[in-house]
Amino acid sequence: MKNFNSGWLACIAALCILFASCSPKDADIQKAVRTELDKDPGFAGITASVTAGVVTLTGSCKTEGCDASAEEAVKNVKGVKEVKNTIEVTPPAPVQAPVQISPDDSLQTAVNDIVSGYNGVTATINDGVVTLTGKIKRADLQALMMKLHAIKPKKIDNKLTIE
């Protein structure tokens, strides 16, 4: 009976060693995970490390939901037991259109048209800066300023005296 039991124990030990050697190694899992991540250019900023079959995703991506997509892409890789996701989603800053400043000649014409409706107000233009001088009624000031801002000067230097 002793031989029978020791034979079974040897057989079980051999099977355990065989099964252990069949499971993918961390390095192989990491290569397979990287291959999955490389399929999507949106995952370029994501790195993965593998320890005992547990994949840790780090880094950043730029679109909403890319972190969950990356996790989904690697969780079915052979040998992956668990995925820890620490990816940060950092959307790019919106691109702002440059401020357009009207050239002095066209600005002068537009300013003259606007100012002509306000008695006692004069304007000079130098390098996109409109300098207002003279007198204006308090009730007219806001309308004048709104019209001038609409033509996009670099700056409005208000030196008006308010009546």
C-alpha atoms as a PDB file:
ATOM      1  CA  MET A   1       0.000   0.000   0.000  1.00  0.00           C
ATOM      2  CA  LYS A   2       2.934   2.304   0.650  1.00  0.00           C
ATOM      3  CA  ASN A   3       4.139   1.998  -2.930  1.00  0.00           C
ATOM      4  CA  PHE A   4       0.671   2.773  -4.229  1.00  0.00           C
ATOM      5  CA  ASN A   5       0.379   5.985  -2.187  1.00  0.00           C
ATOM      6  CA  SER A   6       3.878   7.176  -3.045  1.00  0.00           C
ATOM      7  CA  GLY A   7       3.160   6.499  -6.716  1.00  0.00           C
ATOM      8  CA  TRP A   8       0.059   8.653  -6.586  1.00  0.00           C
ATOM      9  CA  LEU A   9       1.917  11.379  -4.758  1.00  0.00           C
ATOM     10  CA  ALA A  10       4.646  11.351  -7.385  1.00  0.00           C
ATOM     11  CA  CYS A  11       2.038  11.495 -10.135  1.00  0.00           C
ATOM     12  CA  ILE A  12       0.208  14.414  -8.479  1.00  0.00           C
ATOM     13  CA  ALA A  13       3.493  16.280  -7.966  1.00  0.00           C
ATOM     14  CA  ALA A  14       4.402  15.770 -11.623  1.00  0.00           C
ATOM     15  CA  LEU A  15       1.004  17.097 -12.732  1.00  0.00           C
ATOM     16  CA  CYS A  16       1.375  20.159 -10.496  1.00  0.00           C
ATOM     17  CA  ILE A  17       4.788  20.899 -11.997  1.00  0.00           C
ATOM     18  CA  LEU A  18       3.388  20.354 -15.489  1.00  0.00           C
ATOM     19  CA  PHE A  19       0.432  22.721 -14.908  1.00  0.00           C
ATOM     20  CA  ALA A  20       2.638  25.331 -13.296  1.00  0.00           C
ATOM     21  CA  SER A  21       5.021  25.286 -16.232  1.00  0.00           C
ATOM     22  CA  CYS A  22       2.121  25.607 -18.700  1.00  0.00           C
ATOM     23  CA  SER A  23       0.818  28.906 -17.333  1.00  0.00           C
ATOM     24  CA  PRO A  24       2.261  31.941 -19.134  1.00  0.00           C
ATOM     25  CA  LYS A  25       5.163  33.746 -17.529  1.00  0.00           C
ATOM     26  CA  ASP A  26       4.764  37.409 -16.542  1.00  0.00           C
ATOM     27  CA  ALA A  27       7.147  38.509 -19.310  1.00  0.00           C
ATOM     28  CA  ASP A  28       5.049  36.670 -21.905  1.00  0.00           C
ATOM     29  CA  ILE A  29       1.854  38.161 -20.522  1.00  0.00           C
ATOM     30  CA  GLN A  30       3.413  41.626 -20.610  1.00  0.00           C
ATOM     31  CA  LYS A  31       4.389  41.180 -24.281  1.00  0.00           C
ATOM     32  CA  ALA A  32       0.856  40.058 -25.149  1.00  0.00           C
ATOM     33  CA  VAL A  33      -0.654  42.966 -23.212  1.00  0.00           C
ATOM     34  CA  ARG A  34       1.641  45.442 -25.018  1.00  0.00           C
ATOM     35  CA  THR A  35       0.607  43.888 -28.340  1.00  0.00           C
ATOM     36  CA  GLU A  36      -3.062  44.478 -27.447  1.00  0.00           C
ATOM     37  CA  LEU A  37      -2.405  48.064 -26.382  1.00  0.00           C
ATOM     38  CA  ASP A  38      -0.393  48.784 -29.541  1.00  0.00           C
ATOM     39  CA  LYS A  39      -3.453  47.973 -31.671  1.00  0.00           C
ATOM     40  CA  ASP A  40      -5.035  51.305 -30.666  1.00  0.00           C
ATOM     41  CA  PRO A  41      -3.008  54.513 -31.149  1.00  0.00           C
ATOM     42  CA  GLY A  42      -5.115  56.104 -28.398  1.00  0.00           C
ATOM     43  CA  PHE A  43      -3.326  53.848 -25.897  1.00  0.00           C
ATOM     44  CA  ALA A  44       0.163  55.156 -26.777  1.00  0.00           C
ATOM     45  CA  GLY A  45       0.600  56.857 -23.384  1.00  0.00           C
ATOM     46  CA  ILE A  46      -0.325  53.735 -21.423  1.00  0.00           C
ATOM     47  CA  THR A  47       2.212  51.343 -19.898  1.00  0.00           C
ATOM     48  CA  ALA A  48       1.623  47.952 -18.344  1.00  0.00           C
ATOM     49  CA  SER A  49       3.480  45.927 -15.752  1.00  0.00           C
ATOM     50  CA  VAL A  50       2.722  42.330 -14.795  1.00  0.00           C
ATOM     51  CA  THR A  51       3.337  40.595 -11.481  1.00  0.00           C
ATOM     52  CA  ALA A  52       1.998  37.091 -10.841  1.00  0.00           C
ATOM     53  CA  GLY A  53      -0.546  37.540 -13.650  1.00  0.00           C
ATOM     54  CA  VAL A  54      -1.853  40.850 -12.288  1.00  0.00           C
ATOM     55  CA  VAL A  55      -1.609  43.628 -14.893  1.00  0.00           C
ATOM     56  CA  THR A  56      -1.222  47.201 -13.677  1.00  0.00           C
ATOM     57  CA  LEU A  57      -2.051  49.835 -16.290  1.00  0.00           C
ATOM     58  CA  THR A  58      -0.527  53.294 -15.781  1.00  0.00           C
ATOM     59  CA  GLY A  59      -0.034  56.447 -17.802  1.00  0.00           C
ATOM     60  CA  SER A  60      -2.560  58.659 -19.518  1.00  0.00           C
ATOM     61  CA  CYS A  61      -4.816  58.861 -22.515  1.00  0.00           C
ATOM     62  CA  LYS A  62      -6.665  61.782 -24.063  1.00  0.00           C
ATOM     63  CA  THR A  63     -10.251  60.670 -24.655  1.00  0.00           C
ATOM     64  CA  GLU A  64     -13.096  59.977 -22.260  1.00  0.00           C
ATOM     65  CA  GLY A  65     -13.479  56.225 -21.729  1.00  0.00           C
ATOM     66  CA  CYS A  66     -10.040  55.303 -23.080  1.00  0.00           C
ATOM     67  CA  ASP A  67      -9.039  54.012 -19.646  1.00  0.00           C
ATOM     68  CA  ALA A  68     -11.939  51.537 -19.573  1.00  0.00           C
ATOM     69  CA  SER A  69     -11.276  50.549 -23.193  1.00  0.00           C
ATOM     70  CA  ALA A  70      -7.634  49.774 -22.422  1.00  0.00           C
ATOM     71  CA  GLU A  71      -8.646  47.658 -19.437  1.00  0.00           C
ATOM     72  CA  GLU A  72     -11.176  45.791 -21.565  1.00  0.00           C
ATOM     73  CA  ALA A  73      -8.557  45.205 -24.279  1.00  0.00           C
ATOM     74  CA  VAL A  74      -6.101  43.458 -21.942  1.00  0.00           C
ATOM     75  CA  LYS A  75      -8.304  41.595 -19.479  1.00  0.00           C
ATOM     76  CA  ASN A  76      -8.794  38.623 -21.832  1.00  0.00           C
ATOM     77  CA  VAL A  77      -5.105  38.174 -22.617  1.00  0.00           C
ATOM     78  CA  LYS A  78      -4.052  34.613 -21.743  1.00  0.00           C
ATOM     79  CA  GLY A  79      -2.629  34.457 -18.236  1.00  0.00           C
ATOM     80  CA  VAL A  80      -4.136  37.737 -16.990  1.00  0.00           C
ATOM     81  CA  LYS A  81      -5.750  37.120 -13.611  1.00  0.00           C
ATOM     82  CA  GLU A  82      -6.642  40.701 -12.734  1.00  0.00           C
ATOM     83  CA  VAL A  83      -6.271  44.229 -14.145  1.00  0.00           C
ATOM     84  CA  LYS A  84      -5.511  47.215 -11.929  1.00  0.00           C
ATOM     85  CA  ASN A  85      -6.312  50.378 -13.804  1.00  0.00           C
ATOM     86  CA  THR A  86      -4.593  53.621 -12.723  1.00  0.00           C
ATOM     87  CA  ILE A  87      -4.795  55.368 -16.103  1.00  0.00           C
ATOM     88  CA  GLU A  88      -5.493  59.106 -16.033  1.00  0.00           C
ATOM     89  CA  VAL A  89      -7.707  60.652 -18.681  1.00  0.00           C
ATOM     90  CA  THR A  90      -6.238  64.030 -19.638  1.00  0.00           C
ATOM     91  CA  PRO A  91      -8.149  65.577 -22.539  1.00  0.00           C
ATOM     92  CA  PRO A  92      -6.168  68.072 -24.586  1.00  0.00           C
ATOM     93  CA  ALA A  93      -6.796  71.740 -23.891  1.00  0.00           C
ATOM     94  CA  PRO A  94      -9.134  73.341 -26.400  1.00  0.00           C
ATOM     95  CA  VAL A  95      -7.374  75.273 -29.119  1.00  0.00           C
ATOM     96  CA  GLN A  96      -8.241  78.928 -29.004  1.00  0.00           C
ATOM     97  CA  ALA A  97      -8.381  80.899 -32.204  1.00  0.00           C
ATOM     98  CA  PRO A  98      -5.899  83.752 -32.259  1.00  0.00           C
ATOM     99  CA  VAL A  99      -7.347  87.174 -31.588  1.00  0.00           C
ATOM    100  CA  GLN A 100      -7.687  89.089 -34.800  1.00  0.00           C
ATOM    101  CA  ILE A 101      -6.658  92.713 -34.586  1.00  0.00           C
ATOM    102  CA  SER A 102      -7.849  95.012 -37.326  1.00  0.00           C
ATOM    103  CA  PRO A 103      -5.125  96.862 -39.267  1.00  0.00           C
ATOM    104  CA  ASP A 104      -4.912 100.593 -38.502  1.00  0.00           C
ATOM    105  CA  ASP A 105      -6.345 101.802 -41.871  1.00  0.00           C
ATOM    106  CA  SER A 106      -9.512  99.708 -41.738  1.00  0.00           C
ATOM    107  CA  LEU A 107      -9.713 100.276 -37.996  1.00  0.00           C
ATOM    108  CA  GLN A 108      -9.509 104.059 -38.499  1.00  0.00           C
ATOM    109  CA  THR A 109     -12.406 103.983 -40.961  1.00  0.00           C
ATOM    110  CA  ALA A 110     -14.568 101.844 -38.666  1.00  0.00           C
ATOM    111  CA  VAL A 111     -13.746 103.939 -35.591  1.00  0.00           C
ATOM    112  CA  ASN A 112     -14.496 107.177 -37.433  1.00  0.00           C
ATOM    113  CA  ASP A 113     -17.905 105.795 -38.483  1.00  0.00           C
ATOM    114  CA  ILE A 114     -18.724 104.838 -34.888  1.00  0.00           C
ATOM    115  CA  VAL A 115     -17.399 107.990 -33.230  1.00  0.00           C
ATOM    116  CA  SER A 116     -19.201 110.264 -35.703  1.00  0.00           C
ATOM    117  CA  GLY A 117     -22.438 109.402 -33.906  1.00  0.00           C
ATOM    118  CA  TYR A 118     -21.160 110.803 -30.595  1.00  0.00           C
ATOM    119  CA  ASN A 119     -20.686 114.595 -30.484  1.00  0.00           C
ATOM    120  CA  GLY A 120     -17.613 115.671 -28.536  1.00  0.00           C
ATOM    121  CA  VAL A 121     -15.775 112.319 -28.874  1.00  0.00           C
ATOM    122  CA  THR A 122     -12.576 111.972 -30.915  1.00  0.00           C
ATOM    123  CA  ALA A 123     -10.461 108.909 -31.520  1.00  0.00           C
ATOM    124  CA  THR A 124      -6.901 108.249 -32.687  1.00  0.00           C
ATOM    125  CA  ILE A 125      -5.459 104.884 -33.696  1.00  0.00           C
ATOM    126  CA  ASN A 126      -1.857 103.814 -33.235  1.00  0.00           C
ATOM    127  CA  ASP A 127      -0.736 100.204 -33.715  1.00  0.00           C
ATOM    128  CA  GLY A 128      -4.249  98.854 -33.144  1.00  0.00           C
ATOM    129  CA  VAL A 129      -4.831 100.903 -29.982  1.00  0.00           C
ATOM    130  CA  VAL A 130      -7.846 103.233 -30.059  1.00  0.00           C
ATOM    131  CA  THR A 131      -7.455 106.278 -27.803  1.00  0.00           C
ATOM    132  CA  LEU A 132     -10.695 108.074 -26.985  1.00  0.00           C
ATOM    133  CA  THR A 133     -10.698 111.721 -25.878  1.00  0.00           C
ATOM    134  CA  GLY A 134     -13.381 114.334 -25.360  1.00  0.00           C
ATOM    135  CA  LYS A 135     -16.663 114.295 -23.497  1.00  0.00           C
ATOM    136  CA  ILE A 136     -19.515 111.774 -23.497  1.00  0.00           C
ATOM    137  CA  LYS A 137     -22.808 111.363 -21.670  1.00  0.00           C
ATOM    138  CA  ARG A 138     -22.818 108.512 -19.158  1.00  0.00           C
ATOM    139  CA  ALA A 139     -25.859 106.981 -20.900  1.00  0.00           C
ATOM    140  CA  ASP A 140     -23.926 106.771 -24.221  1.00  0.00           C
ATOM    141  CA  LEU A 141     -20.642 105.328 -22.924  1.00  0.00           C
ATOM    142  CA  GLN A 142     -21.622 101.644 -22.802  1.00  0.00           C
ATOM    143  CA  ALA A 143     -23.053 101.662 -26.337  1.00  0.00           C
ATOM    144  CA  LEU A 144     -19.923 103.358 -27.692  1.00  0.00           C
ATOM    145  CA  MET A 145     -17.613 100.853 -25.982  1.00  0.00           C
ATOM    146  CA  MET A 146     -19.622  97.860 -27.236  1.00  0.00           C
ATOM    147  CA  LYS A 147     -19.461  99.138 -30.823  1.00  0.00           C
ATOM    148  CA  LEU A 148     -15.714  99.733 -30.570  1.00  0.00           C
ATOM    149  CA  HIS A 149     -15.008  96.282 -29.071  1.00  0.00           C
ATOM    150  CA  ALA A 150     -16.988  94.675 -31.919  1.00  0.00           C
ATOM    151  CA  ILE A 151     -14.431  95.907 -34.476  1.00  0.00           C
ATOM    152  CA  LYS A 152     -11.624  94.163 -32.532  1.00  0.00           C
ATOM    153  CA  PRO A 153      -8.965  96.771 -31.793  1.00  0.00           C
ATOM    154  CA  LYS A 154      -5.897  95.654 -29.866  1.00  0.00           C
ATOM    155  CA  LYS A 155      -6.924  97.889 -26.969  1.00  0.00           C
ATOM    156  CA  ILE A 156      -9.224 100.795 -26.173  1.00  0.00           C
ATOM    157  CA  ASP A 157      -7.635 103.535 -24.098  1.00  0.00           C
ATOM    158  CA  ASN A 158     -10.571 105.473 -22.646  1.00  0.00           C
ATOM    159  CA  LYS A 159      -9.612 109.032 -21.718  1.00  0.00           C
ATOM    160  CA  LEU A 160     -13.138 110.400 -22.049  1.00  0.00           C
ATOM    161  CA  THR A 161     -14.655 112.803 -19.569  1.00  0.00           C
ATOM    162  CA  ILE A 162     -18.100 111.589 -18.513  1.00  0.00           C
ATOM    163  CA  GLU A 163     -20.812 114.245 -18.266  1.00  0.00           C
END
